[in-house]
Amino acid sequence: MTINSIFFIDDRVQDKEILVSAIGSLARWYVLALALDGIVQMQRILSSYYHLDSIQTISHGSSGAINIGCTVLNSTNK
């Protein structure tokens, strides 16, 4: 079976089980640890995949910023 999509779910997201149950069989999902750099986690995981159709990130944030693991992405560190 070919994996077409990867979903990254920040551990802050509530009801992750509901999200995971909606992800199809042609996708994989990973929960990003809060204590680790989210970008590094994603990079390590993605290094094992080729020819993906999409990469989805499900997280929380604030105006102009998104939380990914212990990383906060905003306009100053993009």
PDB file of N, CA and C in Angstrom:
ATOM      1  N   MET A   1       0.842  -1.171   0.000  1.00  0.00           N
ATOM      2  CA  MET A   1       0.000   0.000   0.000  1.00  0.00           C
ATOM      3  C   MET A   1       0.893   1.243   0.000  1.00  0.00           C
ATOM      4  N   THR A   2       0.611   2.157  -0.894  1.00  0.00           N
ATOM      5  CA  THR A   2       1.366   3.394  -1.001  1.00  0.00           C
ATOM      6  C   THR A   2       0.766   4.465  -0.101  1.00  0.00           C
ATOM      7  N   ILE A   3       1.619   5.099   0.678  1.00  0.00           N
ATOM      8  CA  ILE A   3       1.183   6.197   1.543  1.00  0.00           C
ATOM      9  C   ILE A   3       1.230   7.486   0.729  1.00  0.00           C
ATOM     10  N   ASN A   4       0.086   8.173   0.641  1.00  0.00           N
ATOM     11  CA  ASN A   4       0.003   9.400  -0.156  1.00  0.00           C
ATOM     12  C   ASN A   4       0.108  10.664   0.684  1.00  0.00           C
ATOM     13  N   SER A   5      -0.289  10.587   1.947  1.00  0.00           N
ATOM     14  CA  SER A   5      -0.352  11.783   2.791  1.00  0.00           C
ATOM     15  C   SER A   5       0.174  11.493   4.180  1.00  0.00           C
ATOM     16  N   ILE A   6       0.739  12.530   4.788  1.00  0.00           N
ATOM     17  CA  ILE A   6       1.214  12.460   6.162  1.00  0.00           C
ATOM     18  C   ILE A   6       0.486  13.536   6.953  1.00  0.00           C
ATOM     19  N   PHE A   7       0.015  13.171   8.132  1.00  0.00           N
ATOM     20  CA  PHE A   7      -0.621  14.115   9.044  1.00  0.00           C
ATOM     21  C   PHE A   7       0.239  14.238  10.284  1.00  0.00           C
ATOM     22  N   PHE A   8       0.583  15.465  10.643  1.00  0.00           N
ATOM     23  CA  PHE A   8       1.277  15.748  11.891  1.00  0.00           C
ATOM     24  C   PHE A   8       0.274  16.412  12.822  1.00  0.00           C
ATOM     25  N   ILE A   9       0.116  15.839  14.003  1.00  0.00           N
ATOM     26  CA  ILE A   9      -0.836  16.355  14.978  1.00  0.00           C
ATOM     27  C   ILE A   9      -0.064  16.792  16.211  1.00  0.00           C
ATOM     28  N   ASP A  10      -0.146  18.068  16.540  1.00  0.00           N
ATOM     29  CA  ASP A  10       0.512  18.570  17.740  1.00  0.00           C
ATOM     30  C   ASP A  10      -0.170  17.952  18.962  1.00  0.00           C
ATOM     31  N   ASP A  11       0.604  17.584  19.953  1.00  0.00           N
ATOM     32  CA  ASP A  11       0.062  16.898  21.135  1.00  0.00           C
ATOM     33  C   ASP A  11      -0.900  17.769  21.940  1.00  0.00           C
ATOM     34  N   ARG A  12      -0.932  19.080  21.686  1.00  0.00           N
ATOM     35  CA  ARG A  12      -1.882  19.958  22.380  1.00  0.00           C
ATOM     36  C   ARG A  12      -3.322  19.779  21.892  1.00  0.00           C
ATOM     37  N   VAL A  13      -3.483  19.248  20.707  1.00  0.00           N
ATOM     38  CA  VAL A  13      -4.815  19.097  20.108  1.00  0.00           C
ATOM     39  C   VAL A  13      -5.622  18.091  20.909  1.00  0.00           C
ATOM     40  N   GLN A  14      -6.797  18.505  21.308  1.00  0.00           N
ATOM     41  CA  GLN A  14      -7.678  17.614  22.063  1.00  0.00           C
ATOM     42  C   GLN A  14      -8.427  16.697  21.106  1.00  0.00           C
ATOM     43  N   ASP A  15      -8.869  15.579  21.635  1.00  0.00           N
ATOM     44  CA  ASP A  15      -9.653  14.595  20.871  1.00  0.00           C
ATOM     45  C   ASP A  15      -8.921  14.109  19.630  1.00  0.00           C
ATOM     46  N   LYS A  16      -7.631  13.847  19.771  1.00  0.00           N
ATOM     47  CA  LYS A  16      -6.824  13.356  18.656  1.00  0.00           C
ATOM     48  C   LYS A  16      -7.387  12.062  18.082  1.00  0.00           C
ATOM     49  N   GLU A  17      -8.007  11.264  18.939  1.00  0.00           N
ATOM     50  CA  GLU A  17      -8.541   9.980  18.501  1.00  0.00           C
ATOM     51  C   GLU A  17      -9.617  10.172  17.427  1.00  0.00           C
ATOM     52  N   ILE A  18     -10.406  11.214  17.554  1.00  0.00           N
ATOM     53  CA  ILE A  18     -11.447  11.502  16.563  1.00  0.00           C
ATOM     54  C   ILE A  18     -10.802  11.860  15.226  1.00  0.00           C
ATOM     55  N   LEU A  19      -9.778  12.685  15.271  1.00  0.00           N
ATOM     56  CA  LEU A  19      -9.063  13.047  14.039  1.00  0.00           C
ATOM     57  C   LEU A  19      -8.433  11.824  13.383  1.00  0.00           C
ATOM     58  N   VAL A  20      -7.771  11.029  14.185  1.00  0.00           N
ATOM     59  CA  VAL A  20      -7.084   9.849  13.661  1.00  0.00           C
ATOM     60  C   VAL A  20      -8.077   8.887  13.014  1.00  0.00           C
ATOM     61  N   SER A  21      -9.253   8.739  13.603  1.00  0.00           N
ATOM     62  CA  SER A  21     -10.241   7.814  13.038  1.00  0.00           C
ATOM     63  C   SER A  21     -10.752   8.288  11.678  1.00  0.00           C
ATOM     64  N   ALA A  22     -10.625   9.578  11.383  1.00  0.00           N
ATOM     65  CA  ALA A  22     -11.093  10.119  10.110  1.00  0.00           C
ATOM     66  C   ALA A  22     -10.016  10.090   9.016  1.00  0.00           C
ATOM     67  N   ILE A  23      -8.790   9.781   9.386  1.00  0.00           N
ATOM     68  CA  ILE A  23      -7.697   9.740   8.413  1.00  0.00           C
ATOM     69  C   ILE A  23      -7.777   8.410   7.671  1.00  0.00           C
ATOM     70  N   GLY A  24      -7.743   8.466   6.372  1.00  0.00           N
ATOM     71  CA  GLY A  24      -7.887   7.269   5.542  1.00  0.00           C
ATOM     72  C   GLY A  24      -6.683   6.343   5.594  1.00  0.00           C
ATOM     73  N   SER A  25      -6.838   5.191   4.973  1.00  0.00           N
ATOM     74  CA  SER A  25      -5.795   4.164   4.999  1.00  0.00           C
ATOM     75  C   SER A  25      -4.594   4.498   4.109  1.00  0.00           C
ATOM     76  N   LEU A  26      -4.721   5.476   3.233  1.00  0.00           N
ATOM     77  CA  LEU A  26      -3.601   5.874   2.386  1.00  0.00           C
ATOM     78  C   LEU A  26      -2.780   6.993   3.011  1.00  0.00           C
ATOM     79  N   ALA A  27      -3.001   7.232   4.293  1.00  0.00           N
ATOM     80  CA  ALA A  27      -2.274   8.282   5.011  1.00  0.00           C
ATOM     81  C   ALA A  27      -1.704   7.716   6.298  1.00  0.00           C
ATOM     82  N   ARG A  28      -0.664   8.348   6.774  1.00  0.00           N
ATOM     83  CA  ARG A  28      -0.078   8.031   8.080  1.00  0.00           C
ATOM     84  C   ARG A  28      -0.190   9.265   8.946  1.00  0.00           C
ATOM     85  N   TRP A  29      -0.241   9.061  10.241  1.00  0.00           N
ATOM     86  CA  TRP A  29      -0.312  10.184  11.170  1.00  0.00           C
ATOM     87  C   TRP A  29       0.723  10.006  12.268  1.00  0.00           C
ATOM     88  N   TYR A  30       1.178  11.138  12.776  1.00  0.00           N
ATOM     89  CA  TYR A  30       2.170  11.169  13.847  1.00  0.00           C
ATOM     90  C   TYR A  30       1.801  12.276  14.814  1.00  0.00           C
ATOM     91  N   VAL A  31       1.928  11.999  16.101  1.00  0.00           N
ATOM     92  CA  VAL A  31       1.704  13.016  17.131  1.00  0.00           C
ATOM     93  C   VAL A  31       3.065  13.603  17.478  1.00  0.00           C
ATOM     94  N   LEU A  32       3.154  14.922  17.415  1.00  0.00           N
ATOM     95  CA  LEU A  32       4.411  15.620  17.699  1.00  0.00           C
ATOM     96  C   LEU A  32       4.536  15.896  19.190  1.00  0.00           C
ATOM     97  N   ALA A  33       5.643  15.465  19.775  1.00  0.00           N
ATOM     98  CA  ALA A  33       5.889  15.631  21.211  1.00  0.00           C
ATOM     99  C   ALA A  33       6.071  17.093  21.567  1.00  0.00           C
ATOM    100  N   LEU A  34       5.477  17.502  22.664  1.00  0.00           N
ATOM    101  CA  LEU A  34       5.544  18.900  23.100  1.00  0.00           C
ATOM    102  C   LEU A  34       6.940  19.337  23.512  1.00  0.00           C
ATOM    103  N   ALA A  35       7.737  18.415  24.031  1.00  0.00           N
ATOM    104  CA  ALA A  35       9.049  18.773  24.576  1.00  0.00           C
ATOM    105  C   ALA A  35      10.133  18.860  23.509  1.00  0.00           C
ATOM    106  N   LEU A  36       9.808  18.500  22.268  1.00  0.00           N
ATOM    107  CA  LEU A  36      10.820  18.462  21.214  1.00  0.00           C
ATOM    108  C   LEU A  36      10.496  19.467  20.116  1.00  0.00           C
ATOM    109  N   ASP A  37      11.506  19.869  19.380  1.00  0.00           N
ATOM    110  CA  ASP A  37      11.344  20.766  18.247  1.00  0.00           C
ATOM    111  C   ASP A  37      10.454  20.085  17.204  1.00  0.00           C
ATOM    112  N   GLY A  38       9.312  20.675  16.919  1.00  0.00           N
ATOM    113  CA  GLY A  38       8.359  20.081  15.992  1.00  0.00           C
ATOM    114  C   GLY A  38       8.871  19.989  14.568  1.00  0.00           C
ATOM    115  N   ILE A  39       9.635  20.973  14.148  1.00  0.00           N
ATOM    116  CA  ILE A  39      10.181  20.964  12.790  1.00  0.00           C
ATOM    117  C   ILE A  39      11.186  19.829  12.631  1.00  0.00           C
ATOM    118  N   VAL A  40      12.030  19.623  13.617  1.00  0.00           N
ATOM    119  CA  VAL A  40      13.003  18.527  13.580  1.00  0.00           C
ATOM    120  C   VAL A  40      12.279  17.184  13.570  1.00  0.00           C
ATOM    121  N   GLN A  41      11.223  17.050  14.378  1.00  0.00           N
ATOM    122  CA  GLN A  41      10.444  15.811  14.382  1.00  0.00           C
ATOM    123  C   GLN A  41       9.869  15.526  12.994  1.00  0.00           C
ATOM    124  N   MET A  42       9.293  16.555  12.380  1.00  0.00           N
ATOM    125  CA  MET A  42       8.708  16.392  11.055  1.00  0.00           C
ATOM    126  C   MET A  42       9.771  16.038  10.018  1.00  0.00           C
ATOM    127  N   GLN A  43      10.907  16.687  10.094  1.00  0.00           N
ATOM    128  CA  GLN A  43      12.000  16.431   9.155  1.00  0.00           C
ATOM    129  C   GLN A  43      12.466  14.979   9.240  1.00  0.00           C
ATOM    130  N   ARG A  44      12.636  14.488  10.447  1.00  0.00           N
ATOM    131  CA  ARG A  44      13.098  13.101  10.627  1.00  0.00           C
ATOM    132  C   ARG A  44      12.085  12.105  10.067  1.00  0.00           C
ATOM    133  N   ILE A  45      10.820  12.349  10.340  1.00  0.00           N
ATOM    134  CA  ILE A  45       9.778  11.439   9.848  1.00  0.00           C
ATOM    135  C   ILE A  45       9.696  11.501   8.327  1.00  0.00           C
ATOM    136  N   LEU A  46       9.698  12.696   7.769  1.00  0.00           N
ATOM    137  CA  LEU A  46       9.549  12.855   6.322  1.00  0.00           C
ATOM    138  C   LEU A  46      10.734  12.306   5.538  1.00  0.00           C
ATOM    139  N   SER A  47      11.887  12.171   6.160  1.00  0.00           N
ATOM    140  CA  SER A  47      13.050  11.641   5.446  1.00  0.00           C
ATOM    141  C   SER A  47      12.849  10.195   5.004  1.00  0.00           C
ATOM    142  N   SER A  48      11.833   9.522   5.534  1.00  0.00           N
ATOM    143  CA  SER A  48      11.547   8.132   5.164  1.00  0.00           C
ATOM    144  C   SER A  48      10.493   8.010   4.065  1.00  0.00           C
ATOM    145  N   TYR A  49       9.945   9.115   3.606  1.00  0.00           N
ATOM    146  CA  TYR A  49       8.851   9.081   2.629  1.00  0.00           C
ATOM    147  C   TYR A  49       9.251   9.808   1.344  1.00  0.00           C
ATOM    148  N   TYR A  50       8.688   9.331   0.239  1.00  0.00           N
ATOM    149  CA  TYR A  50       8.911   9.924  -1.068  1.00  0.00           C
ATOM    150  C   TYR A  50       7.590   9.999  -1.817  1.00  0.00           C
ATOM    151  N   HIS A  51       7.458  10.953  -2.685  1.00  0.00           N
ATOM    152  CA  HIS A  51       6.298  11.076  -3.580  1.00  0.00           C
ATOM    153  C   HIS A  51       4.981  11.232  -2.830  1.00  0.00           C
ATOM    154  N   LEU A  52       4.967  12.068  -1.821  1.00  0.00           N
ATOM    155  CA  LEU A  52       3.724  12.344  -1.094  1.00  0.00           C
ATOM    156  C   LEU A  52       2.868  13.334  -1.868  1.00  0.00           C
ATOM    157  N   ASP A  53       1.557  13.184  -1.751  1.00  0.00           N
ATOM    158  CA  ASP A  53       0.631  14.144  -2.341  1.00  0.00           C
ATOM    159  C   ASP A  53       0.396  15.329  -1.416  1.00  0.00           C
ATOM    160  N   SER A  54       0.458  15.076  -0.101  1.00  0.00           N
ATOM    161  CA  SER A  54       0.212  16.171   0.836  1.00  0.00           C
ATOM    162  C   SER A  54       0.846  15.901   2.191  1.00  0.00           C
ATOM    163  N   ILE A  55       1.121  16.999   2.868  1.00  0.00           N
ATOM    164  CA  ILE A  55       1.582  16.978   4.256  1.00  0.00           C
ATOM    165  C   ILE A  55       0.670  17.924   5.008  1.00  0.00           C
ATOM    166  N   GLN A  56      -0.015  17.415   6.022  1.00  0.00           N
ATOM    167  CA  GLN A  56      -0.980  18.197   6.783  1.00  0.00           C
ATOM    168  C   GLN A  56      -0.455  18.392   8.205  1.00  0.00           C
ATOM    169  N   THR A  57      -0.637  19.585   8.743  1.00  0.00           N
ATOM    170  CA  THR A  57      -0.269  19.862  10.123  1.00  0.00           C
ATOM    171  C   THR A  57      -1.507  20.350  10.853  1.00  0.00           C
ATOM    172  N   ILE A  58      -1.822  19.683  11.956  1.00  0.00           N
ATOM    173  CA  ILE A  58      -2.981  20.044  12.772  1.00  0.00           C
ATOM    174  C   ILE A  58      -2.441  20.497  14.120  1.00  0.00           C
ATOM    175  N   SER A  59      -2.708  21.757  14.461  1.00  0.00           N
ATOM    176  CA  SER A  59      -2.120  22.324  15.659  1.00  0.00           C
ATOM    177  C   SER A  59      -2.958  23.491  16.154  1.00  0.00           C
ATOM    178  N   HIS A  60      -2.432  24.163  17.154  1.00  0.00           N
ATOM    179  CA  HIS A  60      -3.017  25.390  17.678  1.00  0.00           C
ATOM    180  C   HIS A  60      -2.002  26.499  17.509  1.00  0.00           C
ATOM    181  N   GLY A  61      -2.451  27.703  17.693  1.00  0.00           N
ATOM    182  CA  GLY A  61      -1.562  28.840  17.597  1.00  0.00           C
ATOM    183  C   GLY A  61      -2.246  30.081  18.120  1.00  0.00           C
ATOM    184  N   SER A  62      -1.720  31.187  17.715  1.00  0.00           N
ATOM    185  CA  SER A  62      -2.300  32.479  18.053  1.00  0.00           C
ATOM    186  C   SER A  62      -2.158  33.355  16.818  1.00  0.00           C
ATOM    187  N   SER A  63      -2.592  34.566  16.897  1.00  0.00           N
ATOM    188  CA  SER A  63      -2.526  35.459  15.751  1.00  0.00           C
ATOM    189  C   SER A  63      -1.088  35.555  15.236  1.00  0.00           C
ATOM    190  N   GLY A  64      -0.869  35.095  14.020  1.00  0.00           N
ATOM    191  CA  GLY A  64       0.451  35.188  13.407  1.00  0.00           C
ATOM    192  C   GLY A  64       1.442  34.127  13.831  1.00  0.00           C
ATOM    193  N   ALA A  65       1.004  33.084  14.544  1.00  0.00           N
ATOM    194  CA  ALA A  65       1.941  32.058  15.023  1.00  0.00           C
ATOM    195  C   ALA A  65       1.250  30.698  15.085  1.00  0.00           C
ATOM    196  N   ILE A  66       2.046  29.641  14.968  1.00  0.00           N
ATOM    197  CA  ILE A  66       1.555  28.275  15.109  1.00  0.00           C
ATOM    198  C   ILE A  66       2.509  27.511  16.013  1.00  0.00           C
ATOM    199  N   ASN A  67       1.968  26.670  16.884  1.00  0.00           N
ATOM    200  CA  ASN A  67       2.764  25.836  17.788  1.00  0.00           C
ATOM    201  C   ASN A  67       2.955  24.461  17.161  1.00  0.00           C
ATOM    202  N   ILE A  68       4.218  24.041  17.067  1.00  0.00           N
ATOM    203  CA  ILE A  68       4.551  22.721  16.542  1.00  0.00           C
ATOM    204  C   ILE A  68       5.591  22.131  17.479  1.00  0.00           C
ATOM    205  N   GLY A  69       5.153  21.218  18.356  1.00  0.00           N
ATOM    206  CA  GLY A  69       6.045  20.727  19.399  1.00  0.00           C
ATOM    207  C   GLY A  69       6.424  21.905  20.286  1.00  0.00           C
ATOM    208  N   CYS A  70       7.689  22.029  20.642  1.00  0.00           N
ATOM    209  CA  CYS A  70       8.117  23.165  21.465  1.00  0.00           C
ATOM    210  C   CYS A  70       8.482  24.378  20.613  1.00  0.00           C
ATOM    211  N   THR A  71       8.284  24.275  19.307  1.00  0.00           N
ATOM    212  CA  THR A  71       8.602  25.352  18.385  1.00  0.00           C
ATOM    213  C   THR A  71       7.381  26.228  18.148  1.00  0.00           C
ATOM    214  N   VAL A  72       7.588  27.534  18.173  1.00  0.00           N
ATOM    215  CA  VAL A  72       6.543  28.482  17.783  1.00  0.00           C
ATOM    216  C   VAL A  72       7.012  29.153  16.502  1.00  0.00           C
ATOM    217  N   LEU A  73       6.276  28.905  15.411  1.00  0.00           N
ATOM    218  CA  LEU A  73       6.615  29.542  14.143  1.00  0.00           C
ATOM    219  C   LEU A  73       5.839  30.835  14.000  1.00  0.00           C
ATOM    220  N   ASN A  74       6.547  31.895  13.643  1.00  0.00           N
ATOM    221  CA  ASN A  74       5.905  33.188  13.415  1.00  0.00           C
ATOM    222  C   ASN A  74       6.686  33.947  12.352  1.00  0.00           C
ATOM    223  N   SER A  75       6.341  35.170  12.123  1.00  0.00           N
ATOM    224  CA  SER A  75       6.981  35.916  11.039  1.00  0.00           C
ATOM    225  C   SER A  75       8.453  36.234  11.311  1.00  0.00           C
ATOM    226  N   THR A  76       8.910  36.130  12.544  1.00  0.00           N
ATOM    227  CA  THR A  76      10.312  36.436  12.825  1.00  0.00           C
ATOM    228  C   THR A  76      11.228  35.231  12.655  1.00  0.00           C
ATOM    229  N   ASN A  77      10.690  34.025  12.638  1.00  0.00           N
ATOM    230  CA  ASN A  77      11.551  32.849  12.509  1.00  0.00           C
ATOM    231  C   ASN A  77      11.153  31.934  11.364  1.00  0.00           C
ATOM    232  N   LYS A  78      10.387  32.425  10.431  1.00  0.00           N
ATOM    233  CA  LYS A  78       9.955  31.609   9.305  1.00  0.00           C
ATOM    234  C   LYS A  78      11.129  31.223   8.496  1.00  0.00           C
TER     235      LYS A  78
END
